[in-house]
Amino acid sequence: MARGYGSALALPVWTQVMTKAAQRYPAGPFAAAMPLARATVCATSNQLATQGCLTAGTGYEIVLPADKVPASACGIHGGIQTQLAQRLDDMGQKAEALPNRVFQSFRRFFGRK
């Protein structure tokens, strides 16, 4: 077939197929197939980053499957293991609970339970 390639033949067929598929299978948000966790990791040792890693510039934050987060701290750079990501998650959970706790405090202060 003359000119039976690229935008002359393949593109219109692909467009029709994808249009029909989008009608039958509407787009939806992606859901994580497994639990994910944030971790600060050392680029040199691939272990949990320490203060030494951050000072050396090798520490970076990454989201990993929860079962793939390294268990031990970096032995190359030394220092105290950073728990920044875990502390931030904890602060987020505490921040969500704070308005309710303040409201409960006012209730108790003004004599209601």
N, C-alpha and C. Protein backbone atom coordinates (compact mmCIF):
# COMPACT_ATOMS: atom_id res chain seq x y z
N MET A 1 0.84 -1.17 0.00
CA MET A 1 0.00 0.00 0.00
C MET A 1 0.89 1.24 0.00
N ALA A 2 0.67 2.13 -0.91
CA ALA A 2 1.46 3.35 -0.98
C ALA A 2 1.13 4.24 0.21
N ARG A 3 2.14 4.80 0.82
CA ARG A 3 2.01 5.69 1.99
C ARG A 3 1.25 5.01 3.14
N GLY A 4 1.39 3.71 3.28
CA GLY A 4 0.70 2.95 4.31
C GLY A 4 1.51 2.83 5.57
N TYR A 5 2.01 3.91 6.06
CA TYR A 5 2.82 3.89 7.27
C TYR A 5 2.67 5.22 8.01
N GLY A 6 3.18 5.26 9.21
CA GLY A 6 3.23 6.50 9.99
C GLY A 6 1.88 7.19 10.14
N SER A 7 1.89 8.48 9.83
CA SER A 7 0.69 9.30 10.06
C SER A 7 -0.41 9.04 9.04
N ALA A 8 -0.11 8.41 7.92
CA ALA A 8 -1.13 8.17 6.91
C ALA A 8 -2.02 6.98 7.27
N LEU A 9 -1.49 5.94 7.91
CA LEU A 9 -2.28 4.76 8.21
C LEU A 9 -2.27 4.40 9.70
N ALA A 10 -1.09 4.34 10.28
CA ALA A 10 -0.97 3.87 11.66
C ALA A 10 -1.59 4.84 12.67
N LEU A 11 -1.38 6.13 12.50
CA LEU A 11 -1.88 7.10 13.47
C LEU A 11 -3.41 7.13 13.54
N PRO A 12 -4.12 7.17 12.41
CA PRO A 12 -5.59 7.15 12.52
C PRO A 12 -6.12 5.86 13.17
N VAL A 13 -5.51 4.72 12.87
CA VAL A 13 -5.94 3.46 13.48
C VAL A 13 -5.67 3.51 14.99
N TRP A 14 -4.50 3.97 15.40
CA TRP A 14 -4.15 4.06 16.82
C TRP A 14 -5.11 5.01 17.54
N THR A 15 -5.44 6.14 16.92
CA THR A 15 -6.35 7.11 17.52
C THR A 15 -7.72 6.50 17.73
N GLN A 16 -8.23 5.77 16.77
CA GLN A 16 -9.54 5.13 16.90
C GLN A 16 -9.54 4.09 18.02
N VAL A 17 -8.50 3.28 18.06
CA VAL A 17 -8.41 2.25 19.10
C VAL A 17 -8.37 2.89 20.49
N MET A 18 -7.55 3.93 20.67
CA MET A 18 -7.41 4.56 21.98
C MET A 18 -8.68 5.31 22.39
N THR A 19 -9.38 5.89 21.42
CA THR A 19 -10.65 6.57 21.73
C THR A 19 -11.69 5.58 22.22
N LYS A 20 -11.81 4.45 21.55
CA LYS A 20 -12.76 3.41 21.98
C LYS A 20 -12.36 2.85 23.35
N ALA A 21 -11.06 2.63 23.55
CA ALA A 21 -10.59 2.09 24.83
C ALA A 21 -10.88 3.06 25.97
N ALA A 22 -10.70 4.36 25.73
CA ALA A 22 -10.96 5.36 26.77
C ALA A 22 -12.44 5.41 27.14
N GLN A 23 -13.31 5.15 26.18
CA GLN A 23 -14.74 5.13 26.47
C GLN A 23 -15.11 3.93 27.33
N ARG A 24 -14.50 2.80 27.04
CA ARG A 24 -14.83 1.58 27.77
C ARG A 24 -14.11 1.49 29.11
N TYR A 25 -12.88 1.96 29.15
CA TYR A 25 -12.06 1.89 30.37
C TYR A 25 -11.63 3.30 30.74
N PRO A 26 -12.46 4.05 31.47
CA PRO A 26 -12.10 5.43 31.81
C PRO A 26 -10.86 5.48 32.70
N ALA A 27 -10.14 6.58 32.58
CA ALA A 27 -8.92 6.78 33.36
C ALA A 27 -9.27 6.96 34.82
N GLY A 28 -8.42 6.46 35.68
CA GLY A 28 -8.59 6.59 37.12
C GLY A 28 -7.24 6.83 37.76
N PRO A 29 -7.25 7.25 39.00
CA PRO A 29 -5.97 7.49 39.68
C PRO A 29 -5.23 6.17 39.93
N PHE A 30 -3.92 6.26 39.88
CA PHE A 30 -3.10 5.10 40.18
C PHE A 30 -3.10 4.85 41.68
N ALA A 31 -3.24 3.63 42.06
CA ALA A 31 -3.18 3.25 43.47
C ALA A 31 -1.91 2.43 43.71
N ALA A 32 -1.27 2.68 44.82
CA ALA A 32 -0.07 1.93 45.15
C ALA A 32 -0.43 0.46 45.36
N ALA A 33 0.33 -0.42 44.74
CA ALA A 33 0.08 -1.85 44.85
C ALA A 33 0.60 -2.42 46.16
N MET A 34 1.45 -1.67 46.84
CA MET A 34 2.05 -2.12 48.09
C MET A 34 2.26 -0.91 48.99
N PRO A 35 2.43 -1.10 50.28
CA PRO A 35 2.68 0.03 51.17
C PRO A 35 4.04 0.67 50.87
N LEU A 36 4.07 2.00 50.86
CA LEU A 36 5.29 2.74 50.57
C LEU A 36 5.76 3.46 51.82
N ALA A 37 7.07 3.73 51.88
CA ALA A 37 7.66 4.45 53.01
C ALA A 37 8.74 5.39 52.50
N ARG A 38 8.87 6.54 53.15
CA ARG A 38 9.94 7.48 52.82
C ARG A 38 11.17 7.12 53.65
N ALA A 39 12.33 7.29 53.04
CA ALA A 39 13.57 7.04 53.76
C ALA A 39 14.64 7.98 53.23
N THR A 40 15.55 8.37 54.10
CA THR A 40 16.71 9.14 53.69
C THR A 40 17.87 8.15 53.59
N VAL A 41 18.42 8.02 52.38
CA VAL A 41 19.39 6.97 52.08
C VAL A 41 20.70 7.60 51.63
N CYS A 42 21.81 6.93 51.93
CA CYS A 42 23.14 7.35 51.47
C CYS A 42 23.38 6.80 50.07
N ALA A 43 23.79 7.65 49.15
CA ALA A 43 24.04 7.24 47.78
C ALA A 43 25.27 6.34 47.66
N THR A 44 26.19 6.41 48.60
CA THR A 44 27.40 5.60 48.53
C THR A 44 27.18 4.19 49.06
N SER A 45 26.55 4.07 50.22
CA SER A 45 26.40 2.76 50.86
C SER A 45 25.03 2.12 50.63
N ASN A 46 24.05 2.90 50.15
CA ASN A 46 22.67 2.43 49.99
C ASN A 46 22.06 1.97 51.31
N GLN A 47 22.51 2.53 52.40
CA GLN A 47 21.95 2.29 53.72
C GLN A 47 21.28 3.57 54.19
N LEU A 48 20.62 3.51 55.35
CA LEU A 48 19.98 4.71 55.87
C LEU A 48 21.03 5.79 56.13
N ALA A 49 20.73 7.01 55.72
CA ALA A 49 21.69 8.10 55.82
C ALA A 49 21.91 8.52 57.27
N THR A 50 23.11 8.99 57.54
CA THR A 50 23.47 9.54 58.84
C THR A 50 23.77 11.03 58.65
N GLN A 51 24.06 11.71 59.77
CA GLN A 51 24.43 13.12 59.68
C GLN A 51 25.69 13.28 58.82
N GLY A 52 26.60 12.30 58.88
CA GLY A 52 27.80 12.34 58.06
C GLY A 52 27.49 12.29 56.57
N CYS A 53 26.49 11.50 56.21
CA CYS A 53 26.08 11.41 54.80
C CYS A 53 25.54 12.75 54.32
N LEU A 54 24.72 13.38 55.16
CA LEU A 54 24.16 14.68 54.78
C LEU A 54 25.25 15.73 54.65
N THR A 55 26.24 15.67 55.54
CA THR A 55 27.35 16.61 55.47
C THR A 55 28.17 16.37 54.20
N ALA A 56 28.36 15.10 53.83
CA ALA A 56 29.12 14.76 52.63
C ALA A 56 28.33 15.00 51.36
N GLY A 57 27.02 15.23 51.49
CA GLY A 57 26.19 15.48 50.32
C GLY A 57 25.73 14.23 49.61
N THR A 58 25.81 13.08 50.29
CA THR A 58 25.40 11.83 49.64
C THR A 58 24.02 11.35 50.11
N GLY A 59 23.41 12.05 51.04
CA GLY A 59 22.09 11.64 51.52
C GLY A 59 20.99 12.19 50.63
N TYR A 60 20.01 11.38 50.35
CA TYR A 60 18.86 11.81 49.55
C TYR A 60 17.61 11.10 50.05
N GLU A 61 16.47 11.74 49.83
CA GLU A 61 15.20 11.17 50.28
C GLU A 61 14.56 10.43 49.11
N ILE A 62 13.98 9.27 49.42
CA ILE A 62 13.38 8.44 48.38
C ILE A 62 12.16 7.72 48.96
N VAL A 63 11.21 7.43 48.10
CA VAL A 63 10.04 6.64 48.50
C VAL A 63 10.25 5.23 47.97
N LEU A 64 10.22 4.26 48.88
CA LEU A 64 10.47 2.85 48.55
C LEU A 64 9.31 1.98 49.04
N PRO A 65 9.19 0.78 48.48
CA PRO A 65 8.27 -0.18 49.11
C PRO A 65 8.72 -0.40 50.56
N ALA A 66 7.76 -0.48 51.45
CA ALA A 66 8.08 -0.55 52.88
C ALA A 66 9.03 -1.69 53.24
N ASP A 67 8.95 -2.80 52.53
CA ASP A 67 9.82 -3.93 52.85
C ASP A 67 11.22 -3.79 52.24
N LYS A 68 11.46 -2.76 51.44
CA LYS A 68 12.77 -2.54 50.81
C LYS A 68 13.58 -1.44 51.46
N VAL A 69 13.04 -0.80 52.51
CA VAL A 69 13.78 0.25 53.20
C VAL A 69 14.95 -0.39 53.94
N PRO A 70 16.16 0.14 53.77
CA PRO A 70 17.32 -0.44 54.46
C PRO A 70 17.12 -0.44 55.97
N ALA A 71 17.68 -1.45 56.62
CA ALA A 71 17.50 -1.60 58.06
C ALA A 71 18.65 -1.00 58.87
N SER A 72 19.82 -0.86 58.27
CA SER A 72 20.97 -0.38 59.03
C SER A 72 21.46 0.97 58.52
N ALA A 73 22.17 1.67 59.40
CA ALA A 73 22.69 3.00 59.07
C ALA A 73 24.01 2.88 58.31
N CYS A 74 24.33 3.92 57.59
CA CYS A 74 25.56 3.97 56.80
C CYS A 74 26.78 3.84 57.70
N GLY A 75 27.68 2.92 57.37
CA GLY A 75 28.90 2.72 58.13
C GLY A 75 30.08 3.46 57.53
N ILE A 76 29.91 4.05 56.36
CA ILE A 76 31.01 4.73 55.68
C ILE A 76 31.21 6.14 56.24
N HIS A 77 30.13 6.90 56.38
CA HIS A 77 30.25 8.30 56.78
C HIS A 77 30.13 8.51 58.28
N GLY A 78 29.58 7.55 58.99
CA GLY A 78 29.44 7.67 60.44
C GLY A 78 28.46 8.75 60.86
N GLY A 79 28.28 8.89 62.12
CA GLY A 79 27.37 9.90 62.65
C GLY A 79 26.06 9.27 63.09
N ILE A 80 25.16 10.12 63.50
CA ILE A 80 23.87 9.69 64.02
C ILE A 80 22.92 9.50 62.85
N GLN A 81 22.18 8.42 62.89
CA GLN A 81 21.22 8.12 61.83
C GLN A 81 20.13 9.18 61.79
N THR A 82 19.82 9.65 60.59
CA THR A 82 18.75 10.65 60.46
C THR A 82 17.42 9.95 60.38
N GLN A 83 16.48 10.51 61.05
CA GLN A 83 15.11 9.99 61.00
C GLN A 83 14.19 11.11 60.53
N LEU A 84 14.71 12.00 59.68
CA LEU A 84 13.97 13.18 59.27
C LEU A 84 12.63 12.81 58.65
N ALA A 85 12.63 11.89 57.73
CA ALA A 85 11.38 11.55 57.05
C ALA A 85 10.37 10.96 58.03
N GLN A 86 10.84 10.11 58.93
CA GLN A 86 9.92 9.53 59.90
C GLN A 86 9.41 10.60 60.86
N ARG A 87 10.27 11.55 61.25
CA ARG A 87 9.83 12.62 62.13
C ARG A 87 8.80 13.50 61.43
N LEU A 88 9.00 13.76 60.14
CA LEU A 88 8.04 14.57 59.39
C LEU A 88 6.70 13.87 59.30
N ASP A 89 6.70 12.56 59.06
CA ASP A 89 5.44 11.81 59.03
C ASP A 89 4.75 11.87 60.39
N ASP A 90 5.53 11.72 61.48
CA ASP A 90 4.96 11.79 62.82
C ASP A 90 4.37 13.18 63.07
N MET A 91 5.08 14.24 62.64
CA MET A 91 4.58 15.59 62.83
C MET A 91 3.28 15.78 62.06
N GLY A 92 3.19 15.20 60.86
CA GLY A 92 1.96 15.31 60.08
C GLY A 92 0.80 14.67 60.79
N GLN A 93 1.02 13.50 61.38
CA GLN A 93 -0.04 12.83 62.12
C GLN A 93 -0.43 13.63 63.35
N LYS A 94 0.56 14.21 64.04
CA LYS A 94 0.26 15.03 65.21
C LYS A 94 -0.47 16.30 64.81
N ALA A 95 -0.10 16.88 63.68
CA ALA A 95 -0.77 18.10 63.21
C ALA A 95 -2.22 17.83 62.88
N GLU A 96 -2.51 16.65 62.34
CA GLU A 96 -3.89 16.30 62.04
C GLU A 96 -4.71 16.18 63.32
N ALA A 97 -4.09 15.68 64.37
CA ALA A 97 -4.80 15.47 65.64
C ALA A 97 -4.87 16.74 66.49
N LEU A 98 -4.05 17.74 66.19
CA LEU A 98 -3.97 18.93 67.02
C LEU A 98 -5.28 19.69 67.13
N PRO A 99 -5.98 20.01 66.03
CA PRO A 99 -7.24 20.76 66.21
C PRO A 99 -8.23 20.04 67.12
N ASN A 100 -8.32 18.73 66.98
CA ASN A 100 -9.24 17.96 67.83
C ASN A 100 -8.80 18.05 69.29
N ARG A 101 -7.50 17.96 69.55
CA ARG A 101 -7.01 18.03 70.92
C ARG A 101 -7.26 19.41 71.53
N VAL A 102 -7.08 20.48 70.73
CA VAL A 102 -7.34 21.83 71.23
C VAL A 102 -8.82 21.98 71.56
N PHE A 103 -9.67 21.49 70.66
CA PHE A 103 -11.10 21.56 70.88
C PHE A 103 -11.49 20.82 72.16
N GLN A 104 -10.92 19.63 72.36
CA GLN A 104 -11.19 18.85 73.57
C GLN A 104 -10.75 19.63 74.82
N SER A 105 -9.61 20.32 74.74
CA SER A 105 -9.11 21.10 75.87
C SER A 105 -10.08 22.21 76.23
N PHE A 106 -10.59 22.91 75.23
CA PHE A 106 -11.56 23.97 75.49
C PHE A 106 -12.83 23.42 76.11
N ARG A 107 -13.27 22.26 75.65
CA ARG A 107 -14.46 21.64 76.22
C ARG A 107 -14.26 21.35 77.71
N ARG A 108 -13.10 20.75 78.02
CA ARG A 108 -12.82 20.42 79.42
C ARG A 108 -12.71 21.69 80.26
N PHE A 109 -12.08 22.73 79.68
CA PHE A 109 -11.89 23.99 80.41
C PHE A 109 -13.22 24.63 80.75
N PHE A 110 -14.17 24.56 79.82
CA PHE A 110 -15.45 25.20 80.04
C PHE A 110 -16.49 24.24 80.64
N GLY A 111 -16.05 23.09 81.12
CA GLY A 111 -16.90 22.21 81.89
C GLY A 111 -17.65 21.15 81.12
N ARG A 112 -17.35 20.94 79.88
CA ARG A 112 -18.02 19.86 79.13
C ARG A 112 -17.00 18.77 78.83
N LYS A 113 -17.54 17.58 78.65
CA LYS A 113 -16.63 16.46 78.33
C LYS A 113 -16.76 16.06 76.90
